[in-house]
N, C-alpha and C. Protein backbone atom coordinates (compact mmCIF):
# COMPACT_ATOMS: atom_id res chain seq x y z
N MET A 1 118.40 36.25 111.64
CA MET A 1 119.32 36.58 112.69
C MET A 1 118.78 36.02 114.01
N PRO A 2 119.56 35.22 114.74
CA PRO A 2 119.08 34.68 116.02
C PRO A 2 119.17 35.72 117.14
N VAL A 3 118.17 35.71 118.00
CA VAL A 3 118.14 36.57 119.19
C VAL A 3 117.98 35.65 120.39
N ASN A 4 118.89 35.73 121.34
CA ASN A 4 118.86 34.87 122.51
C ASN A 4 118.50 35.67 123.75
N LEU A 5 117.48 35.22 124.47
CA LEU A 5 117.07 35.81 125.74
C LEU A 5 117.06 34.69 126.78
N GLY A 6 118.10 34.68 127.61
CA GLY A 6 118.21 33.61 128.59
C GLY A 6 118.33 32.28 127.88
N GLU A 7 117.49 31.34 128.22
CA GLU A 7 117.55 30.01 127.61
C GLU A 7 116.71 29.91 126.34
N TYR A 8 116.06 31.00 125.93
CA TYR A 8 115.20 30.99 124.75
C TYR A 8 115.92 31.62 123.56
N SER A 9 115.65 31.09 122.38
CA SER A 9 116.24 31.61 121.16
C SER A 9 115.12 31.90 120.17
N PHE A 10 115.21 33.04 119.51
CA PHE A 10 114.20 33.47 118.55
C PHE A 10 114.88 33.84 117.24
N LYS A 11 114.10 33.80 116.17
CA LYS A 11 114.59 34.25 114.89
C LYS A 11 113.99 35.62 114.60
N LEU A 12 114.84 36.61 114.41
CA LEU A 12 114.39 37.96 114.10
C LEU A 12 114.14 38.04 112.60
N ILE A 13 112.90 38.32 112.25
CA ILE A 13 112.54 38.38 110.83
C ILE A 13 112.73 39.79 110.28
N SER A 14 112.30 40.78 111.06
CA SER A 14 112.49 42.16 110.62
C SER A 14 112.39 43.09 111.83
N TYR A 15 112.83 44.29 111.64
CA TYR A 15 112.70 45.31 112.67
C TYR A 15 112.64 46.68 112.01
N LYS A 16 112.08 47.61 112.72
CA LYS A 16 112.00 48.98 112.23
C LYS A 16 112.49 49.89 113.35
N PRO A 17 113.64 50.54 113.15
CA PRO A 17 114.15 51.42 114.21
C PRO A 17 113.23 52.63 114.41
N LEU A 18 113.08 53.02 115.65
CA LEU A 18 112.29 54.21 115.98
C LEU A 18 113.11 55.45 115.68
N PRO A 19 112.46 56.57 115.36
CA PRO A 19 113.22 57.80 115.12
C PRO A 19 113.90 58.26 116.40
N LYS A 20 115.06 58.87 116.27
CA LYS A 20 115.82 59.39 117.40
C LYS A 20 115.09 60.58 117.98
N LEU A 21 114.95 60.60 119.32
CA LEU A 21 114.29 61.73 119.96
C LEU A 21 115.27 62.88 120.16
N LYS A 22 114.80 64.07 119.93
CA LYS A 22 115.57 65.29 120.20
C LYS A 22 114.71 66.13 121.12
N PHE A 23 115.23 66.45 122.29
CA PHE A 23 114.46 67.24 123.24
C PHE A 23 114.38 68.70 122.81
N GLY A 24 113.20 69.27 122.97
CA GLY A 24 113.01 70.70 122.78
C GLY A 24 113.41 71.41 124.06
N GLU A 25 112.87 72.59 124.28
CA GLU A 25 113.27 73.36 125.45
C GLU A 25 112.48 73.02 126.70
N ASN A 26 111.25 72.65 126.58
CA ASN A 26 110.42 72.40 127.76
C ASN A 26 109.82 71.01 127.68
N PHE A 27 110.15 70.18 128.66
CA PHE A 27 109.62 68.82 128.66
C PHE A 27 109.62 68.26 130.07
N ILE A 28 108.89 67.17 130.24
CA ILE A 28 108.82 66.48 131.52
C ILE A 28 109.22 65.04 131.29
N LEU A 29 110.19 64.56 132.07
CA LEU A 29 110.58 63.15 132.08
C LEU A 29 110.13 62.57 133.41
N GLU A 30 109.61 61.37 133.37
CA GLU A 30 109.18 60.73 134.60
C GLU A 30 109.71 59.31 134.62
N SER A 31 110.27 58.91 135.75
CA SER A 31 110.81 57.55 135.83
C SER A 31 109.68 56.55 135.97
N GLU A 32 109.78 55.48 135.20
CA GLU A 32 108.80 54.40 135.25
C GLU A 32 109.25 53.31 136.21
N SER A 33 110.52 53.31 136.54
CA SER A 33 111.08 52.36 137.51
C SER A 33 111.94 53.16 138.47
N ILE A 34 112.41 52.53 139.53
CA ILE A 34 113.15 53.28 140.53
C ILE A 34 114.51 53.72 139.98
N ILE A 35 114.97 54.84 140.51
CA ILE A 35 116.31 55.33 140.21
C ILE A 35 117.11 55.16 141.49
N ASN A 36 118.20 54.44 141.39
CA ASN A 36 119.04 54.11 142.54
C ASN A 36 120.35 54.88 142.45
N ILE A 37 120.74 55.54 143.54
CA ILE A 37 122.03 56.21 143.65
C ILE A 37 122.66 55.76 144.95
N THR A 38 123.89 55.27 144.88
CA THR A 38 124.59 54.85 146.09
C THR A 38 125.83 55.70 146.31
N ILE A 39 126.23 55.80 147.56
CA ILE A 39 127.45 56.51 147.93
C ILE A 39 128.26 55.60 148.86
N HIS A 40 129.53 55.87 148.94
CA HIS A 40 130.40 55.15 149.88
C HIS A 40 130.64 56.07 151.06
N GLU A 41 130.23 55.62 152.23
CA GLU A 41 130.34 56.43 153.44
C GLU A 41 130.79 55.54 154.59
N ASN A 42 131.90 55.92 155.23
CA ASN A 42 132.45 55.15 156.35
C ASN A 42 132.64 53.68 155.98
N SER A 43 133.21 53.42 154.82
CA SER A 43 133.49 52.07 154.32
C SER A 43 132.23 51.24 154.11
N LYS A 44 131.08 51.89 153.99
CA LYS A 44 129.83 51.19 153.71
C LYS A 44 129.18 51.80 152.48
N ILE A 45 128.39 50.99 151.78
CA ILE A 45 127.63 51.48 150.64
C ILE A 45 126.24 51.85 151.14
N LYS A 46 125.81 53.06 150.81
CA LYS A 46 124.53 53.57 151.31
C LYS A 46 123.73 54.14 150.14
N SER A 47 122.44 53.84 150.09
CA SER A 47 121.57 54.42 149.07
C SER A 47 121.09 55.78 149.55
N ILE A 48 121.01 56.73 148.63
CA ILE A 48 120.46 58.04 148.98
C ILE A 48 119.31 58.37 148.03
N THR A 49 118.38 59.15 148.52
CA THR A 49 117.26 59.61 147.71
C THR A 49 117.21 61.13 147.77
N LEU A 50 116.41 61.71 146.93
CA LEU A 50 116.26 63.16 146.89
C LEU A 50 115.74 63.68 148.22
N SER A 51 114.81 62.95 148.83
CA SER A 51 114.24 63.42 150.10
C SER A 51 115.20 63.24 151.27
N SER A 52 116.16 62.32 151.16
CA SER A 52 117.09 62.12 152.27
C SER A 52 118.28 63.07 152.21
N ASP A 53 118.73 63.46 151.01
CA ASP A 53 119.88 64.35 150.87
C ASP A 53 119.85 64.95 149.46
N SER A 54 119.08 66.00 149.28
CA SER A 54 118.79 66.57 147.97
C SER A 54 120.05 66.95 147.18
N GLU A 55 120.94 67.72 147.77
CA GLU A 55 122.12 68.19 147.04
C GLU A 55 123.04 67.04 146.67
N ARG A 56 123.24 66.13 147.60
CA ARG A 56 124.12 64.99 147.34
C ARG A 56 123.51 64.08 146.27
N PHE A 57 122.20 63.89 146.32
CA PHE A 57 121.52 63.07 145.31
C PHE A 57 121.72 63.67 143.92
N LYS A 58 121.44 64.98 143.78
CA LYS A 58 121.57 65.63 142.47
C LYS A 58 123.01 65.58 141.97
N LYS A 59 123.97 65.81 142.86
CA LYS A 59 125.38 65.78 142.48
C LYS A 59 125.78 64.39 142.00
N ASN A 60 125.37 63.35 142.73
CA ASN A 60 125.73 61.99 142.35
C ASN A 60 124.99 61.52 141.11
N LEU A 61 123.73 61.91 140.94
CA LEU A 61 123.00 61.56 139.72
C LEU A 61 123.65 62.24 138.52
N SER A 62 124.01 63.51 138.67
CA SER A 62 124.68 64.24 137.60
C SER A 62 126.00 63.57 137.24
N ARG A 63 126.79 63.21 138.24
CA ARG A 63 128.08 62.54 138.00
C ARG A 63 127.86 61.22 137.25
N ASN A 64 126.83 60.47 137.65
CA ASN A 64 126.52 59.20 137.01
C ASN A 64 126.18 59.41 135.53
N LEU A 65 125.31 60.38 135.24
CA LEU A 65 124.89 60.64 133.86
C LEU A 65 126.04 61.16 133.00
N LEU A 66 126.88 62.02 133.58
CA LEU A 66 128.03 62.56 132.84
C LEU A 66 129.05 61.47 132.52
N LYS A 67 129.26 60.54 133.46
CA LYS A 67 130.19 59.43 133.19
C LYS A 67 129.68 58.57 132.05
N LYS A 68 128.38 58.28 132.05
CA LYS A 68 127.80 57.49 130.96
C LYS A 68 127.96 58.22 129.64
N TYR A 69 127.62 59.48 129.64
CA TYR A 69 127.70 60.27 128.41
C TYR A 69 129.13 60.31 127.89
N ASN A 70 130.08 60.60 128.76
CA ASN A 70 131.49 60.69 128.35
C ASN A 70 131.98 59.35 127.80
N TYR A 71 131.59 58.26 128.42
CA TYR A 71 132.04 56.94 127.99
C TYR A 71 131.51 56.60 126.59
N PHE A 72 130.23 56.81 126.36
CA PHE A 72 129.63 56.41 125.10
C PHE A 72 129.84 57.42 123.97
N SER A 73 129.96 58.70 124.32
CA SER A 73 130.13 59.72 123.27
C SER A 73 131.60 59.99 122.96
N LYS A 74 132.49 59.53 123.85
CA LYS A 74 133.93 59.78 123.74
C LYS A 74 134.25 61.27 123.89
N GLU A 75 133.32 62.04 124.45
CA GLU A 75 133.58 63.44 124.78
C GLU A 75 134.11 63.49 126.21
N LYS A 76 134.53 64.68 126.64
CA LYS A 76 134.98 64.83 128.02
C LYS A 76 134.33 66.08 128.59
N ILE A 77 133.20 65.89 129.27
CA ILE A 77 132.53 66.98 129.97
C ILE A 77 132.87 66.82 131.44
N ASP A 78 133.37 67.88 132.07
CA ASP A 78 133.80 67.83 133.47
C ASP A 78 132.64 67.53 134.40
N GLU A 79 132.94 66.87 135.52
CA GLU A 79 131.92 66.50 136.51
C GLU A 79 131.28 67.72 137.16
N ASP A 80 131.92 68.88 137.09
CA ASP A 80 131.33 70.07 137.71
C ASP A 80 130.35 70.79 136.77
N PHE A 81 130.10 70.24 135.58
CA PHE A 81 129.11 70.81 134.66
C PHE A 81 127.74 70.79 135.33
N ASP A 82 127.01 71.90 135.25
CA ASP A 82 125.70 72.01 135.90
C ASP A 82 124.63 71.42 134.99
N LEU A 83 124.49 70.11 135.07
CA LEU A 83 123.54 69.39 134.22
C LEU A 83 122.10 69.76 134.53
N PHE A 84 121.80 70.09 135.77
CA PHE A 84 120.42 70.34 136.17
C PHE A 84 120.05 71.82 136.23
N GLU A 85 120.81 72.67 135.54
CA GLU A 85 120.43 74.08 135.45
C GLU A 85 119.11 74.18 134.70
N ASN A 86 118.15 74.89 135.27
CA ASN A 86 116.80 75.04 134.71
C ASN A 86 116.03 73.73 134.63
N ILE A 87 116.41 72.76 135.46
CA ILE A 87 115.69 71.49 135.54
C ILE A 87 115.30 71.26 136.99
N GLU A 88 114.02 71.08 137.21
CA GLU A 88 113.50 70.81 138.56
C GLU A 88 113.34 69.30 138.70
N ILE A 89 113.86 68.74 139.81
CA ILE A 89 113.71 67.31 140.08
C ILE A 89 112.84 67.15 141.31
N GLU A 90 111.83 66.31 141.20
CA GLU A 90 110.98 66.04 142.37
C GLU A 90 110.73 64.54 142.48
N GLU A 91 110.66 64.08 143.71
CA GLU A 91 110.37 62.68 143.97
C GLU A 91 108.86 62.49 143.83
N ILE A 92 108.46 61.46 143.12
CA ILE A 92 107.04 61.15 142.99
C ILE A 92 106.58 60.56 144.32
N GLU A 93 105.54 61.12 144.87
CA GLU A 93 105.09 60.73 146.21
C GLU A 93 104.82 59.24 146.33
N ASN A 94 105.14 58.72 147.50
CA ASN A 94 104.86 57.32 147.87
C ASN A 94 105.48 56.30 146.92
N THR A 95 106.71 56.58 146.43
CA THR A 95 107.33 55.62 145.52
C THR A 95 108.65 55.07 146.04
N LEU A 96 109.03 55.36 147.27
CA LEU A 96 110.26 54.80 147.81
C LEU A 96 110.13 53.29 147.83
N LYS A 97 111.08 52.61 147.21
CA LYS A 97 111.00 51.16 147.07
C LYS A 97 112.30 50.51 147.51
N ALA A 98 112.21 49.32 148.00
CA ALA A 98 113.35 48.45 148.22
C ALA A 98 113.05 47.18 147.43
N VAL A 99 113.94 46.83 146.53
CA VAL A 99 113.75 45.67 145.68
C VAL A 99 114.87 44.69 145.97
N LYS A 100 114.54 43.44 146.17
CA LYS A 100 115.56 42.41 146.38
C LYS A 100 115.90 41.78 145.04
N ILE A 101 117.20 41.65 144.78
CA ILE A 101 117.66 41.07 143.53
C ILE A 101 118.55 39.88 143.86
N ASN A 102 118.36 38.79 143.14
CA ASN A 102 119.20 37.61 143.29
C ASN A 102 120.04 37.47 142.03
N PHE A 103 121.37 37.55 142.18
CA PHE A 103 122.26 37.44 141.04
C PHE A 103 122.36 36.02 140.50
N ILE A 104 122.33 35.04 141.37
CA ILE A 104 122.57 33.66 140.96
C ILE A 104 121.31 32.84 141.23
N LYS A 105 120.86 32.16 140.21
CA LYS A 105 119.66 31.34 140.32
C LYS A 105 119.84 30.29 141.42
N ASN A 106 118.79 30.07 142.21
CA ASN A 106 118.78 29.06 143.28
C ASN A 106 119.90 29.27 144.29
N SER A 107 120.08 30.50 144.74
CA SER A 107 121.12 30.79 145.72
C SER A 107 120.61 31.80 146.73
N ASP A 108 121.39 32.02 147.74
CA ASP A 108 121.04 33.02 148.75
C ASP A 108 121.80 34.32 148.53
N ASN A 109 122.27 34.56 147.32
CA ASN A 109 123.05 35.76 147.01
C ASN A 109 122.11 36.92 146.65
N TRP A 110 121.40 37.43 147.64
CA TRP A 110 120.43 38.51 147.44
C TRP A 110 121.01 39.83 147.93
N PHE A 111 120.59 40.93 147.32
CA PHE A 111 120.90 42.24 147.87
C PHE A 111 119.74 43.18 147.59
N ASP A 112 119.64 44.23 148.40
CA ASP A 112 118.56 45.20 148.25
C ASP A 112 118.99 46.34 147.34
N VAL A 113 118.08 46.81 146.53
CA VAL A 113 118.26 48.05 145.78
C VAL A 113 117.18 48.99 146.28
N ILE A 114 117.59 50.14 146.77
CA ILE A 114 116.63 51.11 147.31
C ILE A 114 116.65 52.34 146.43
N GLY A 115 115.49 52.82 146.07
CA GLY A 115 115.40 54.01 145.24
C GLY A 115 113.98 54.51 145.20
N SER A 116 113.75 55.52 144.40
CA SER A 116 112.44 56.13 144.24
C SER A 116 112.21 56.44 142.77
N ARG A 117 111.00 56.89 142.47
CA ARG A 117 110.69 57.37 141.12
C ARG A 117 110.74 58.89 141.16
N TYR A 118 111.16 59.49 140.05
CA TYR A 118 111.35 60.94 140.00
C TYR A 118 110.72 61.54 138.75
N ARG A 119 110.48 62.83 138.84
CA ARG A 119 109.97 63.62 137.73
C ARG A 119 110.97 64.75 137.50
N LEU A 120 111.40 64.93 136.26
CA LEU A 120 112.29 66.03 135.89
C LEU A 120 111.51 66.97 134.99
N LYS A 121 111.44 68.23 135.38
CA LYS A 121 110.76 69.25 134.58
C LYS A 121 111.82 70.21 134.06
N ALA A 122 111.99 70.21 132.75
CA ALA A 122 113.03 71.03 132.14
C ALA A 122 112.43 72.29 131.55
N GLY A 123 113.13 73.39 131.77
CA GLY A 123 112.79 74.66 131.14
C GLY A 123 113.71 74.84 129.94
N LYS A 124 114.23 76.02 129.78
CA LYS A 124 115.15 76.29 128.69
C LYS A 124 116.52 75.72 129.07
N ILE A 125 116.97 74.74 128.29
CA ILE A 125 118.27 74.13 128.56
C ILE A 125 119.17 74.30 127.35
N ASN A 126 120.48 74.22 127.59
CA ASN A 126 121.43 74.45 126.51
C ASN A 126 121.67 73.17 125.70
N GLU A 127 122.40 73.30 124.60
CA GLU A 127 122.62 72.17 123.69
C GLU A 127 123.38 71.02 124.35
N THR A 128 124.32 71.34 125.24
CA THR A 128 125.08 70.29 125.93
C THR A 128 124.15 69.48 126.83
N GLN A 129 123.31 70.16 127.57
CA GLN A 129 122.33 69.46 128.42
C GLN A 129 121.44 68.56 127.57
N LYS A 130 120.97 69.08 126.44
CA LYS A 130 120.10 68.30 125.56
C LYS A 130 120.80 67.03 125.08
N ARG A 131 122.06 67.15 124.64
CA ARG A 131 122.79 65.97 124.15
C ARG A 131 122.95 64.93 125.26
N ILE A 132 123.28 65.38 126.46
CA ILE A 132 123.48 64.45 127.58
C ILE A 132 122.16 63.76 127.93
N LEU A 133 121.09 64.54 128.07
CA LEU A 133 119.80 63.97 128.46
C LEU A 133 119.23 63.04 127.39
N GLU A 134 119.44 63.38 126.10
CA GLU A 134 118.97 62.51 125.02
C GLU A 134 119.66 61.15 125.09
N MET A 135 120.97 61.14 125.29
CA MET A 135 121.69 59.87 125.36
C MET A 135 121.29 59.10 126.62
N CYS A 136 121.20 59.79 127.75
CA CYS A 136 120.88 59.10 129.00
C CYS A 136 119.42 58.65 129.04
N TYR A 137 118.57 59.29 128.26
CA TYR A 137 117.19 58.83 128.11
C TYR A 137 117.20 57.40 127.55
N ASP A 138 118.11 57.15 126.61
CA ASP A 138 118.24 55.82 126.02
C ASP A 138 118.95 54.84 126.96
N LEU A 139 119.91 55.32 127.76
CA LEU A 139 120.74 54.46 128.60
C LEU A 139 120.12 54.16 129.96
N GLY A 140 119.35 55.08 130.50
CA GLY A 140 118.80 54.92 131.85
C GLY A 140 119.44 55.91 132.81
N PHE A 141 118.69 56.32 133.80
CA PHE A 141 119.16 57.29 134.79
C PHE A 141 119.52 56.54 136.07
N GLY A 142 120.63 56.91 136.68
CA GLY A 142 121.03 56.29 137.94
C GLY A 142 121.78 55.00 137.71
N GLU A 143 121.70 54.12 138.70
CA GLU A 143 122.47 52.89 138.70
C GLU A 143 121.57 51.67 138.47
N ARG A 144 122.21 50.55 138.24
CA ARG A 144 121.53 49.26 138.06
C ARG A 144 120.60 49.25 136.84
N ASN A 145 121.00 49.96 135.80
CA ASN A 145 120.17 50.03 134.59
C ASN A 145 120.04 48.69 133.89
N THR A 146 121.03 47.83 134.02
CA THR A 146 120.94 46.51 133.38
C THR A 146 119.85 45.66 134.00
N PHE A 147 119.39 46.02 135.20
CA PHE A 147 118.29 45.31 135.85
C PHE A 147 116.95 45.96 135.56
N GLY A 148 116.95 46.99 134.72
CA GLY A 148 115.70 47.66 134.35
C GLY A 148 115.40 48.89 135.18
N PHE A 149 116.30 49.29 136.06
CA PHE A 149 116.06 50.48 136.88
C PHE A 149 116.44 51.74 136.10
N GLY A 150 115.78 52.84 136.42
CA GLY A 150 116.13 54.12 135.83
C GLY A 150 115.51 54.41 134.48
N PHE A 151 114.53 53.63 134.07
CA PHE A 151 113.86 53.86 132.79
C PHE A 151 113.02 55.13 132.90
N MET A 152 113.21 56.06 131.98
CA MET A 152 112.47 57.31 131.96
C MET A 152 111.50 57.31 130.79
N ASN A 153 110.38 58.02 131.00
CA ASN A 153 109.38 58.14 129.95
C ASN A 153 109.07 59.62 129.76
N LEU A 154 108.91 60.03 128.53
CA LEU A 154 108.55 61.39 128.22
C LEU A 154 107.07 61.57 128.48
N LYS A 155 106.72 62.46 129.40
CA LYS A 155 105.32 62.63 129.80
C LYS A 155 104.64 63.79 129.11
N GLY A 156 105.39 64.62 128.45
CA GLY A 156 104.78 65.72 127.72
C GLY A 156 105.50 67.02 127.96
N PRO A 157 105.02 68.07 127.34
CA PRO A 157 105.68 69.36 127.50
C PRO A 157 105.37 69.96 128.86
N SER A 158 106.34 70.73 129.36
CA SER A 158 106.03 71.52 130.54
C SER A 158 105.31 72.78 130.05
N LYS A 159 104.93 73.65 130.93
CA LYS A 159 104.08 74.80 130.58
C LYS A 159 104.62 75.58 129.38
N ASN A 160 103.73 75.83 128.45
CA ASN A 160 104.02 76.66 127.27
C ASN A 160 105.24 76.23 126.48
N GLY A 161 105.53 74.95 126.46
CA GLY A 161 106.72 74.54 125.73
C GLY A 161 106.50 73.38 124.82
N ARG A 162 107.42 73.22 123.91
CA ARG A 162 107.40 72.06 123.03
C ARG A 162 108.11 70.92 123.71
N CYS A 163 107.72 69.76 123.39
CA CYS A 163 108.24 68.58 124.07
C CYS A 163 109.48 68.02 123.37
N LEU A 164 109.36 67.61 122.15
CA LEU A 164 110.48 66.97 121.47
C LEU A 164 110.31 67.04 119.98
N LYS A 165 111.37 66.70 119.32
CA LYS A 165 111.36 66.58 117.87
C LYS A 165 111.96 65.22 117.53
N THR A 166 111.67 64.71 116.37
CA THR A 166 112.34 63.48 115.92
C THR A 166 113.32 63.86 114.83
N ALA A 167 114.45 63.18 114.86
CA ALA A 167 115.50 63.48 113.85
C ALA A 167 115.27 62.64 112.61
């Protein structure tokens, strides 16, 4: 089977799928790349972070994750669902980043992506939260995931809790 990455082509000889992760009740997710959330304000696009507007950031991140989940799962969970109940979100210190991205090779078509890295500490969460977070763990958190932003890594259990199970 051919695999194409940009101008390179490879022949895939074999692969072994990893087991599906199932979150337990207590776990910590940490972003390995920046998570970007933008809002439209006064006809302008503006990036927001947890430290600049905590409630708006959480609301927009939740809306982003729920839209992804609804699209891929074909379920319909309302945007007012409290995805972050019993989940603490904190910005990892000194990680505010601005990254310039060029869409077209050899052009001046650059734009900035501004975001930070975050840590999510989950306590006891319900089955709906688990399903959403498991899928979004695979898809990426926030925006610009196709550029590699929003990648989360499981860092381990939070206090006195189990981290995950494999299906």
